[in-house]
C-alpha cells in the first residue's frame, strides 16, 4: 500500500517521508520550516503565523505536523521562489536572487 501511495507523491515528498516518517515532532518541524528552535516555532504557532497546521496526539506531549504537508509546503515554496533566509535562519521576503 505504501508503495502505491508513494507513486502518487513527488520524489521530494517521498524522500522526506522516508527520512522522517509520517509525523514530525516540533524539533524536526522547526528545522524544516526554518525556525531557530522549537520555541520560535511555538511562538509562530501561538501567533497563528505557521504556514502549515500542527496537531496534538492523545497520550503524547507536544505538537506535531504531517511530514507530507511540510514537505509539500517546502517544495511549493521553493518552486514559487518565496523561501528566503538570512544567516541565522530568519525569514526575509526582501531578499532577491540578485542578493544571493
PDB file of N, CA and C in Angstrom:
ATOM      1  N   UNK A   1       0.819  -1.201   0.000  1.00  0.00           N
ATOM      2  CA  UNK A   1       0.000   0.000   0.000  1.00  0.00           C
ATOM      3  C   UNK A   1       0.860   1.261   0.000  1.00  0.00           C
ATOM      4  N   UNK A   2       1.922   1.296   0.823  1.00  0.00           N
ATOM      5  CA  UNK A   2       2.771   2.468   0.896  1.00  0.00           C
ATOM      6  C   UNK A   2       3.420   2.762  -0.443  1.00  0.00           C
ATOM      7  N   UNK A   3       3.828   1.718  -1.178  1.00  0.00           N
ATOM      8  CA  UNK A   3       4.447   1.944  -2.480  1.00  0.00           C
ATOM      9  C   UNK A   3       3.461   2.584  -3.446  1.00  0.00           C
ATOM     10  N   UNK A   4       2.194   2.194  -3.423  1.00  0.00           N
ATOM     11  CA  UNK A   4       1.182   2.824  -4.274  1.00  0.00           C
ATOM     12  C   UNK A   4       1.002   4.286  -3.910  1.00  0.00           C
ATOM     13  N   UNK A   5       0.974   4.580  -2.610  1.00  0.00           N
ATOM     14  CA  UNK A   5       0.843   5.960  -2.154  1.00  0.00           C
ATOM     15  C   UNK A   5       2.061   6.774  -2.563  1.00  0.00           C
ATOM     16  N   UNK A   6       3.253   6.195  -2.431  1.00  0.00           N
ATOM     17  CA  UNK A   6       4.473   6.901  -2.786  1.00  0.00           C
ATOM     18  C   UNK A   6       4.533   7.208  -4.272  1.00  0.00           C
ATOM     19  N   UNK A   7       3.942   6.360  -5.098  1.00  0.00           N
ATOM     20  CA  UNK A   7       3.957   6.587  -6.541  1.00  0.00           C
ATOM     21  C   UNK A   7       3.218   7.867  -6.906  1.00  0.00           C
ATOM     22  N   UNK A   8       2.259   8.270  -6.093  1.00  0.00           N
ATOM     23  CA  UNK A   8       1.492   9.494  -6.353  1.00  0.00           C
ATOM     24  C   UNK A   8       2.154  10.736  -5.780  1.00  0.00           C
ATOM     25  N   UNK A   9       3.178  10.566  -4.967  1.00  0.00           N
ATOM     26  CA  UNK A   9       3.863  11.693  -4.336  1.00  0.00           C
ATOM     27  C   UNK A   9       5.085  12.088  -5.159  1.00  0.00           C
ATOM     28  N   UNK A  10       5.477  13.333  -5.035  1.00  0.00           N
ATOM     29  CA  UNK A  10       6.690  13.780  -5.716  1.00  0.00           C
ATOM     30  C   UNK A  10       7.900  13.106  -5.090  1.00  0.00           C
ATOM     31  N   UNK A  11       9.006  13.049  -5.814  1.00  0.00           N
ATOM     32  CA  UNK A  11      10.223  12.474  -5.228  1.00  0.00           C
ATOM     33  C   UNK A  11      10.669  13.210  -3.967  1.00  0.00           C
ATOM     34  N   UNK A  12      10.469  14.510  -3.926  1.00  0.00           N
ATOM     35  CA  UNK A  12      10.859  15.285  -2.747  1.00  0.00           C
ATOM     36  C   UNK A  12      10.044  14.869  -1.528  1.00  0.00           C
ATOM     37  N   UNK A  13       8.734  14.801  -1.681  1.00  0.00           N
ATOM     38  CA  UNK A  13       7.862  14.413  -0.569  1.00  0.00           C
ATOM     39  C   UNK A  13       8.178  12.980  -0.137  1.00  0.00           C
ATOM     40  N   UNK A  14       8.414  12.095  -1.099  1.00  0.00           N
ATOM     41  CA  UNK A  14       8.755  10.710  -0.782  1.00  0.00           C
ATOM     42  C   UNK A  14      10.043  10.643   0.031  1.00  0.00           C
ATOM     43  N   UNK A  15      11.031  11.462  -0.334  1.00  0.00           N
ATOM     44  CA  UNK A  15      12.287  11.480   0.415  1.00  0.00           C
ATOM     45  C   UNK A  15      12.055  11.896   1.864  1.00  0.00           C
ATOM     46  N   UNK A  16      11.284  12.980   2.063  1.00  0.00           N
ATOM     47  CA  UNK A  16      11.003  13.437   3.429  1.00  0.00           C
ATOM     48  C   UNK A  16      10.281  12.355   4.227  1.00  0.00           C
ATOM     49  N   UNK A  17       9.338  11.661   3.617  1.00  0.00           N
ATOM     50  CA  UNK A  17       8.627  10.584   4.315  1.00  0.00           C
ATOM     51  C   UNK A  17       9.582   9.478   4.743  1.00  0.00           C
ATOM     52  N   UNK A  18      10.463   9.097   3.856  1.00  0.00           N
ATOM     53  CA  UNK A  18      11.406   8.029   4.195  1.00  0.00           C
ATOM     54  C   UNK A  18      12.414   8.482   5.241  1.00  0.00           C
ATOM     55  N   UNK A  19      12.800   9.747   5.191  1.00  0.00           N
ATOM     56  CA  UNK A  19      13.797  10.273   6.123  1.00  0.00           C
ATOM     57  C   UNK A  19      13.218  10.498   7.529  1.00  0.00           C
ATOM     58  N   UNK A  20      11.982  11.025   7.617  1.00  0.00           N
ATOM     59  CA  UNK A  20      11.412  11.445   8.896  1.00  0.00           C
ATOM     60  C   UNK A  20      10.219  10.623   9.362  1.00  0.00           C
ATOM     61  N   UNK A  21       9.620   9.830   8.503  1.00  0.00           N
ATOM     62  CA  UNK A  21       8.398   9.120   8.857  1.00  0.00           C
ATOM     63  C   UNK A  21       7.186  10.010   8.621  1.00  0.00           C
ATOM     64  N   UNK A  22       5.988   9.535   8.908  1.00  0.00           N
ATOM     65  CA  UNK A  22       4.768  10.275   8.569  1.00  0.00           C
ATOM     66  C   UNK A  22       4.462  11.481   9.452  1.00  0.00           C
ATOM     67  N   UNK A  23       5.038  11.514  10.659  1.00  0.00           N
ATOM     68  CA  UNK A  23       4.740  12.600  11.597  1.00  0.00           C
ATOM     69  C   UNK A  23       6.041  13.224  12.084  1.00  0.00           C
ATOM     70  N   UNK A  24       6.082  14.545  12.062  1.00  0.00           N
ATOM     71  CA  UNK A  24       7.244  15.286  12.549  1.00  0.00           C
ATOM     72  C   UNK A  24       6.985  15.795  13.958  1.00  0.00           C
ATOM     73  N   UNK A  25       7.978  15.694  14.819  1.00  0.00           N
ATOM     74  CA  UNK A  25       7.864  16.334  16.117  1.00  0.00           C
ATOM     75  C   UNK A  25       8.195  17.825  15.956  1.00  0.00           C
ATOM     76  N   UNK A  26       8.048  18.582  17.009  1.00  0.00           N
ATOM     77  CA  UNK A  26       8.269  20.030  16.941  1.00  0.00           C
ATOM     78  C   UNK A  26       9.696  20.395  16.562  1.00  0.00           C
ATOM     79  N   UNK A  27      10.657  19.646  17.053  1.00  0.00           N
ATOM     80  CA  UNK A  27      12.057  19.951  16.736  1.00  0.00           C
ATOM     81  C   UNK A  27      12.343  19.797  15.250  1.00  0.00           C
ATOM     82  N   UNK A  28      11.908  18.682  14.674  1.00  0.00           N
ATOM     83  CA  UNK A  28      12.125  18.459  13.244  1.00  0.00           C
ATOM     84  C   UNK A  28      11.330  19.454  12.407  1.00  0.00           C
ATOM     85  N   UNK A  29      10.090  19.728  12.802  1.00  0.00           N
ATOM     86  CA  UNK A  29       9.273  20.699  12.068  1.00  0.00           C
ATOM     87  C   UNK A  29       9.931  22.076  12.100  1.00  0.00           C
ATOM     88  N   UNK A  30      10.461  22.464  13.245  1.00  0.00           N
ATOM     89  CA  UNK A  30      11.124  23.762  13.359  1.00  0.00           C
ATOM     90  C   UNK A  30      12.300  23.856  12.393  1.00  0.00           C
ATOM     91  N   UNK A  31      13.125  22.824  12.356  1.00  0.00           N
ATOM     92  CA  UNK A  31      14.280  22.814  11.451  1.00  0.00           C
ATOM     93  C   UNK A  31      13.844  22.917   9.995  1.00  0.00           C
ATOM     94  N   UNK A  32      12.875  22.091   9.611  1.00  0.00           N
ATOM     95  CA  UNK A  32      12.457  22.061   8.212  1.00  0.00           C
ATOM     96  C   UNK A  32      11.757  23.345   7.777  1.00  0.00           C
ATOM     97  N   UNK A  33      11.067  24.000   8.701  1.00  0.00           N
ATOM     98  CA  UNK A  33      10.365  25.237   8.366  1.00  0.00           C
ATOM     99  C   UNK A  33      11.246  26.473   8.489  1.00  0.00           C
ATOM    100  N   UNK A  34      12.470  26.285   8.965  1.00  0.00           N
ATOM    101  CA  UNK A  34      13.417  27.391   9.027  1.00  0.00           C
ATOM    102  C   UNK A  34      13.390  28.216  10.299  1.00  0.00           C
ATOM    103  N   UNK A  35      12.828  27.670  11.366  1.00  0.00           N
ATOM    104  CA  UNK A  35      12.841  28.377  12.653  1.00  0.00           C
ATOM    105  C   UNK A  35      14.102  28.013  13.411  1.00  0.00           C
ATOM    106  N   UNK A  36      14.562  28.918  14.259  1.00  0.00           N
ATOM    107  CA  UNK A  36      15.794  28.682  15.013  1.00  0.00           C
ATOM    108  C   UNK A  36      15.692  27.483  15.938  1.00  0.00           C
ATOM    109  N   UNK A  37      14.521  27.301  16.545  1.00  0.00           N
ATOM    110  CA  UNK A  37      14.352  26.230  17.523  1.00  0.00           C
ATOM    111  C   UNK A  37      12.865  25.996  17.767  1.00  0.00           C
ATOM    112  N   UNK A  38      12.564  25.056  18.674  1.00  0.00           N
ATOM    113  CA  UNK A  38      11.159  24.743  18.993  1.00  0.00           C
ATOM    114  C   UNK A  38      10.421  25.931  19.583  1.00  0.00           C
ATOM    115  N   UNK A  39      11.115  26.735  20.369  1.00  0.00           N
ATOM    116  CA  UNK A  39      10.466  27.896  20.987  1.00  0.00           C
ATOM    117  C   UNK A  39      10.018  28.897  19.924  1.00  0.00           C
ATOM    118  N   UNK A  40      10.842  29.125  18.922  1.00  0.00           N
ATOM    119  CA  UNK A  40      10.458  30.028  17.834  1.00  0.00           C
ATOM    120  C   UNK A  40       9.260  29.472  17.075  1.00  0.00           C
ATOM    121  N   UNK A  41       9.260  28.170  16.872  1.00  0.00           N
ATOM    122  CA  UNK A  41       8.111  27.522  16.223  1.00  0.00           C
ATOM    123  C   UNK A  41       6.860  27.674  17.086  1.00  0.00           C
ATOM    124  N   UNK A  42       7.014  27.483  18.389  1.00  0.00           N
ATOM    125  CA  UNK A  42       5.880  27.621  19.313  1.00  0.00           C
ATOM    126  C   UNK A  42       5.303  29.031  19.252  1.00  0.00           C
ATOM    127  N   UNK A  43       6.172  30.026  19.257  1.00  0.00           N
ATOM    128  CA  UNK A  43       5.711  31.417  19.187  1.00  0.00           C
ATOM    129  C   UNK A  43       4.959  31.672  17.880  1.00  0.00           C
ATOM    130  N   UNK A  44       5.457  31.136  16.789  1.00  0.00           N
ATOM    131  CA  UNK A  44       4.769  31.295  15.491  1.00  0.00           C
ATOM    132  C   UNK A  44       3.416  30.586  15.528  1.00  0.00           C
ATOM    133  N   UNK A  45       3.370  29.402  16.142  1.00  0.00           N
ATOM    134  CA  UNK A  45       2.094  28.670  16.239  1.00  0.00           C
ATOM    135  C   UNK A  45       1.096  29.447  17.076  1.00  0.00           C
ATOM    136  N   UNK A  46       1.541  29.957  18.222  1.00  0.00           N
ATOM    137  CA  UNK A  46       0.646  30.724  19.088  1.00  0.00           C
ATOM    138  C   UNK A  46       0.168  32.010  18.411  1.00  0.00           C
ATOM    139  N   UNK A  47       1.024  32.589  17.586  1.00  0.00           N
ATOM    140  CA  UNK A  47       0.669  33.812  16.865  1.00  0.00           C
ATOM    141  C   UNK A  47      -0.050  33.551  15.551  1.00  0.00           C
ATOM    142  N   UNK A  48      -0.358  32.285  15.307  1.00  0.00           N
ATOM    143  CA  UNK A  48      -1.056  31.872  14.075  1.00  0.00           C
ATOM    144  C   UNK A  48      -0.311  32.310  12.813  1.00  0.00           C
ATOM    145  N   UNK A  49       1.015  32.182  12.852  1.00  0.00           N
ATOM    146  CA  UNK A  49       1.858  32.564  11.710  1.00  0.00           C
ATOM    147  C   UNK A  49       2.496  31.371  11.020  1.00  0.00           C
ATOM    148  N   UNK A  50       2.132  30.160  11.401  1.00  0.00           N
ATOM    149  CA  UNK A  50       2.714  28.978  10.770  1.00  0.00           C
ATOM    150  C   UNK A  50       2.098  28.764   9.389  1.00  0.00           C
ATOM    151  N   UNK A  51       2.912  28.336   8.431  1.00  0.00           N
ATOM    152  CA  UNK A  51       2.384  28.087   7.093  1.00  0.00           C
ATOM    153  C   UNK A  51       1.715  26.720   6.953  1.00  0.00           C
ATOM    154  N   UNK A  52       1.763  25.920   8.017  1.00  0.00           N
ATOM    155  CA  UNK A  52       1.196  24.564   7.993  1.00  0.00           C
ATOM    156  C   UNK A  52       0.429  24.324   9.288  1.00  0.00           C
ATOM    157  N   UNK A  53      -0.525  23.383   9.268  1.00  0.00           N
ATOM    158  CA  UNK A  53      -1.232  23.055  10.509  1.00  0.00           C
ATOM    159  C   UNK A  53      -0.385  22.148  11.403  1.00  0.00           C
ATOM    160  N   UNK A  54      -0.573  22.288  12.694  1.00  0.00           N
ATOM    161  CA  UNK A  54       0.044  21.376  13.650  1.00  0.00           C
ATOM    162  C   UNK A  54      -1.067  20.804  14.520  1.00  0.00           C
ATOM    163  N   UNK A  55      -0.791  19.681  15.155  1.00  0.00           N
ATOM    164  CA  UNK A  55      -1.813  18.992  15.934  1.00  0.00           C
ATOM    165  C   UNK A  55      -1.185  18.305  17.129  1.00  0.00           C
ATOM    166  N   UNK A  56      -2.036  17.931  18.064  1.00  0.00           N
ATOM    167  CA  UNK A  56      -1.603  17.167  19.228  1.00  0.00           C
ATOM    168  C   UNK A  56      -2.085  15.739  19.068  1.00  0.00           C
ATOM    169  N   UNK A  57      -1.405  14.818  19.743  1.00  0.00           N
ATOM    170  CA  UNK A  57      -1.751  13.401  19.702  1.00  0.00           C
ATOM    171  C   UNK A  57      -2.051  12.955  21.126  1.00  0.00           C
ATOM    172  N   UNK A  58      -3.134  12.223  21.279  1.00  0.00           N
ATOM    173  CA  UNK A  58      -3.517  11.717  22.609  1.00  0.00           C
ATOM    174  C   UNK A  58      -2.365  10.958  23.246  1.00  0.00           C
ATOM    175  N   UNK A  59      -2.195  11.180  24.539  1.00  0.00           N
ATOM    176  CA  UNK A  59      -1.184  10.488  25.342  1.00  0.00           C
ATOM    177  C   UNK A  59       0.250  10.766  24.904  1.00  0.00           C
ATOM    178  N   UNK A  60       0.450  11.843  24.137  1.00  0.00           N
ATOM    179  CA  UNK A  60       1.805  12.249  23.775  1.00  0.00           C
ATOM    180  C   UNK A  60       1.946  13.734  24.036  1.00  0.00           C
ATOM    181  N   UNK A  61       3.112  14.121  24.502  1.00  0.00           N
ATOM    182  CA  UNK A  61       3.350  15.537  24.782  1.00  0.00           C
ATOM    183  C   UNK A  61       3.805  16.243  23.523  1.00  0.00           C
ATOM    184  N   UNK A  62       3.441  17.503  23.398  1.00  0.00           N
ATOM    185  CA  UNK A  62       3.939  18.322  22.315  1.00  0.00           C
ATOM    186  C   UNK A  62       2.995  18.442  21.141  1.00  0.00           C
ATOM    187  N   UNK A  63       3.498  19.111  20.123  1.00  0.00           N
ATOM    188  CA  UNK A  63       2.756  19.357  18.891  1.00  0.00           C
ATOM    189  C   UNK A  63       3.475  18.673  17.747  1.00  0.00           C
ATOM    190  N   UNK A  64       2.702  18.289  16.735  1.00  0.00           N
ATOM    191  CA  UNK A  64       3.228  17.516  15.624  1.00  0.00           C
ATOM    192  C   UNK A  64       2.718  18.083  14.302  1.00  0.00           C
ATOM    193  N   UNK A  65       3.392  17.694  13.220  1.00  0.00           N
ATOM    194  CA  UNK A  65       2.982  18.102  11.883  1.00  0.00           C
ATOM    195  C   UNK A  65       3.081  16.898  10.959  1.00  0.00           C
ATOM    196  N   UNK A  66       2.243  16.877   9.945  1.00  0.00           N
ATOM    197  CA  UNK A  66       2.300  15.810   8.950  1.00  0.00           C
ATOM    198  C   UNK A  66       3.475  16.065   8.012  1.00  0.00           C
ATOM    199  N   UNK A  67       4.316  15.082   7.865  1.00  0.00           N
ATOM    200  CA  UNK A  67       5.506  15.214   7.024  1.00  0.00           C
ATOM    201  C   UNK A  67       5.136  15.580   5.588  1.00  0.00           C
ATOM    202  N   UNK A  68       4.094  14.966   5.054  1.00  0.00           N
ATOM    203  CA  UNK A  68       3.719  15.254   3.657  1.00  0.00           C
ATOM    204  C   UNK A  68       3.322  16.711   3.469  1.00  0.00           C
ATOM    205  N   UNK A  69       2.658  17.294   4.460  1.00  0.00           N
ATOM    206  CA  UNK A  69       2.243  18.696   4.357  1.00  0.00           C
ATOM    207  C   UNK A  69       3.452  19.616   4.429  1.00  0.00           C
ATOM    208  N   UNK A  70       4.363  19.341   5.353  1.00  0.00           N
ATOM    209  CA  UNK A  70       5.571  20.161   5.482  1.00  0.00           C
ATOM    210  C   UNK A  70       6.416  20.041   4.214  1.00  0.00           C
ATOM    211  N   UNK A  71       6.618  18.829   3.726  1.00  0.00           N
ATOM    212  CA  UNK A  71       7.421  18.622   2.521  1.00  0.00           C
ATOM    213  C   UNK A  71       6.785  19.288   1.305  1.00  0.00           C
ATOM    214  N   UNK A  72       5.472  19.199   1.185  1.00  0.00           N
ATOM    215  CA  UNK A  72       4.772  19.856   0.062  1.00  0.00           C
ATOM    216  C   UNK A  72       4.898  21.365   0.163  1.00  0.00           C
ATOM    217  N   UNK A  73       4.819  21.895   1.388  1.00  0.00           N
ATOM    218  CA  UNK A  73       4.991  23.339   1.574  1.00  0.00           C
ATOM    219  C   UNK A  73       6.399  23.765   1.158  1.00  0.00           C
ATOM    220  N   UNK A  74       7.409  23.013   1.579  1.00  0.00           N
ATOM    221  CA  UNK A  74       8.788  23.332   1.208  1.00  0.00           C
ATOM    222  C   UNK A  74       8.926  23.312  -0.314  1.00  0.00           C
ATOM    223  N   UNK A  75       8.417  22.272  -0.923  1.00  0.00           N
ATOM    224  CA  UNK A  75       8.515  22.111  -2.374  1.00  0.00           C
ATOM    225  C   UNK A  75       7.831  23.259  -3.117  1.00  0.00           C
ATOM    226  N   UNK A  76       6.613  23.590  -2.738  1.00  0.00           N
ATOM    227  CA  UNK A  76       5.881  24.656  -3.432  1.00  0.00           C
ATOM    228  C   UNK A  76       6.500  26.024  -3.155  1.00  0.00           C
ATOM    229  N   UNK A  77       7.009  26.218  -1.957  1.00  0.00           N
ATOM    230  CA  UNK A  77       7.637  27.488  -1.608  1.00  0.00           C
ATOM    231  C   UNK A  77       8.901  27.705  -2.432  1.00  0.00           C
ATOM    232  N   UNK A  78       9.692  26.672  -2.588  1.00  0.00           N
ATOM    233  CA  UNK A  78      10.903  26.773  -3.397  1.00  0.00           C
ATOM    234  C   UNK A  78      10.540  26.994  -4.866  1.00  0.00           C
ATOM    235  N   UNK A  79       9.558  26.260  -5.360  1.00  0.00           N
ATOM    236  CA  UNK A  79       9.146  26.408  -6.759  1.00  0.00           C
ATOM    237  C   UNK A  79       8.604  27.804  -7.046  1.00  0.00           C
ATOM    238  N   UNK A  80       7.924  28.384  -6.072  1.00  0.00           N
ATOM    239  CA  UNK A  80       7.364  29.729  -6.250  1.00  0.00           C
ATOM    240  C   UNK A  80       8.383  30.824  -5.971  1.00  0.00           C
ATOM    241  N   UNK A  81       9.551  30.442  -5.491  1.00  0.00           N
ATOM    242  CA  UNK A  81      10.600  31.406  -5.218  1.00  0.00           C
ATOM    243  C   UNK A  81      10.308  32.316  -4.047  1.00  0.00           C
ATOM    244  N   UNK A  82       9.545  31.824  -3.067  1.00  0.00           N
ATOM    245  CA  UNK A  82       9.179  32.672  -1.933  1.00  0.00           C
ATOM    246  C   UNK A  82       9.875  32.284  -0.638  1.00  0.00           C
ATOM    247  N   UNK A  83      10.813  31.346  -0.693  1.00  0.00           N
ATOM    248  CA  UNK A  83      11.536  30.934   0.502  1.00  0.00           C
ATOM    249  C   UNK A  83      12.858  31.683   0.541  1.00  0.00           C
ATOM    250  N   UNK A  84      12.993  32.592   1.490  1.00  0.00           N
ATOM    251  CA  UNK A  84      14.202  33.396   1.617  1.00  0.00           C
ATOM    252  C   UNK A  84      14.668  33.346   3.058  1.00  0.00           C
ATOM    253  N   UNK A  85      15.938  33.117   3.254  1.00  0.00           N
ATOM    254  CA  UNK A  85      16.506  33.069   4.594  1.00  0.00           C
ATOM    255  C   UNK A  85      17.737  33.951   4.655  1.00  0.00           C
ATOM    256  N   UNK A  86      17.912  34.584   5.790  1.00  0.00           N
ATOM    257  CA  UNK A  86      19.146  35.293   6.084  1.00  0.00           C
ATOM    258  C   UNK A  86      19.984  34.382   6.956  1.00  0.00           C
ATOM    259  N   UNK A  87      21.227  34.731   7.152  1.00  0.00           N
ATOM    260  CA  UNK A  87      22.054  33.982   8.085  1.00  0.00           C
ATOM    261  C   UNK A  87      21.368  34.001   9.444  1.00  0.00           C
ATOM    262  N   UNK A  88      21.349  32.887  10.110  1.00  0.00           N
ATOM    263  CA  UNK A  88      20.700  32.795  11.411  1.00  0.00           C
ATOM    264  C   UNK A  88      19.297  32.231  11.316  1.00  0.00           C
ATOM    265  N   UNK A  89      18.812  31.983  10.105  1.00  0.00           N
ATOM    266  CA  UNK A  89      17.547  31.295   9.936  1.00  0.00           C
ATOM    267  C   UNK A  89      16.309  32.163   9.959  1.00  0.00           C
ATOM    268  N   UNK A  90      16.440  33.497   9.939  1.00  0.00           N
ATOM    269  CA  UNK A  90      15.241  34.322   9.928  1.00  0.00           C
ATOM    270  C   UNK A  90      14.772  34.518   8.507  1.00  0.00           C
ATOM    271  N   UNK A  91      13.481  34.631   8.335  1.00  0.00           N
ATOM    272  CA  UNK A  91      12.912  34.805   7.009  1.00  0.00           C
ATOM    273  C   UNK A  91      12.890  36.283   6.662  1.00  0.00           C
ATOM    274  N   UNK A  92      13.228  36.601   5.425  1.00  0.00           N
ATOM    275  CA  UNK A  92      13.220  37.982   4.966  1.00  0.00           C
ATOM    276  C   UNK A  92      12.747  38.007   3.527  1.00  0.00           C
ATOM    277  N   UNK A  93      11.539  38.449   3.291  1.00  0.00           N
ATOM    278  CA  UNK A  93      10.982  38.445   1.948  1.00  0.00           C
ATOM    279  C   UNK A  93      11.585  39.519   1.060  1.00  0.00           C
ATOM    280  N   UNK A  94      12.449  40.377   1.603  1.00  0.00           N
ATOM    281  CA  UNK A  94      13.045  41.410   0.784  1.00  0.00           C
ATOM    282  C   UNK A  94      14.288  40.931   0.041  1.00  0.00           C
ATOM    283  N   UNK A  95      14.765  39.728   0.358  1.00  0.00           N
ATOM    284  CA  UNK A  95      15.944  39.185  -0.304  1.00  0.00           C
ATOM    285  C   UNK A  95      15.539  38.698  -1.687  1.00  0.00           C
ATOM    286  N   UNK A  96      16.314  39.036  -2.701  1.00  0.00           N
ATOM    287  CA  UNK A  96      16.031  38.579  -4.056  1.00  0.00           C
ATOM    288  C   UNK A  96      17.158  37.686  -4.534  1.00  0.00           C
ATOM    289  N   UNK A  97      16.985  37.065  -5.714  1.00  0.00           N
ATOM    290  CA  UNK A  97      18.033  36.222  -6.254  1.00  0.00           C
ATOM    291  C   UNK A  97      19.307  37.023  -6.482  1.00  0.00           C
ATOM    292  N   UNK A  98      19.170  38.304  -6.845  1.00  0.00           N
ATOM    293  CA  UNK A  98      20.335  39.137  -7.085  1.00  0.00           C
ATOM    294  C   UNK A  98      21.142  39.348  -5.815  1.00  0.00           C
ATOM    295  N   UNK A  99      20.479  39.248  -4.653  1.00  0.00           N
ATOM    296  CA  UNK A  99      21.164  39.453  -3.377  1.00  0.00           C
ATOM    297  C   UNK A  99      21.991  38.231  -2.973  1.00  0.00           C
ATOM    298  N   UNK A 100      21.634  37.085  -3.517  1.00  0.00           N
ATOM    299  CA  UNK A 100      22.290  35.831  -3.095  1.00  0.00           C
ATOM    300  C   UNK A 100      23.681  35.703  -3.665  1.00  0.00           C
TER     301      UNK A 100
END
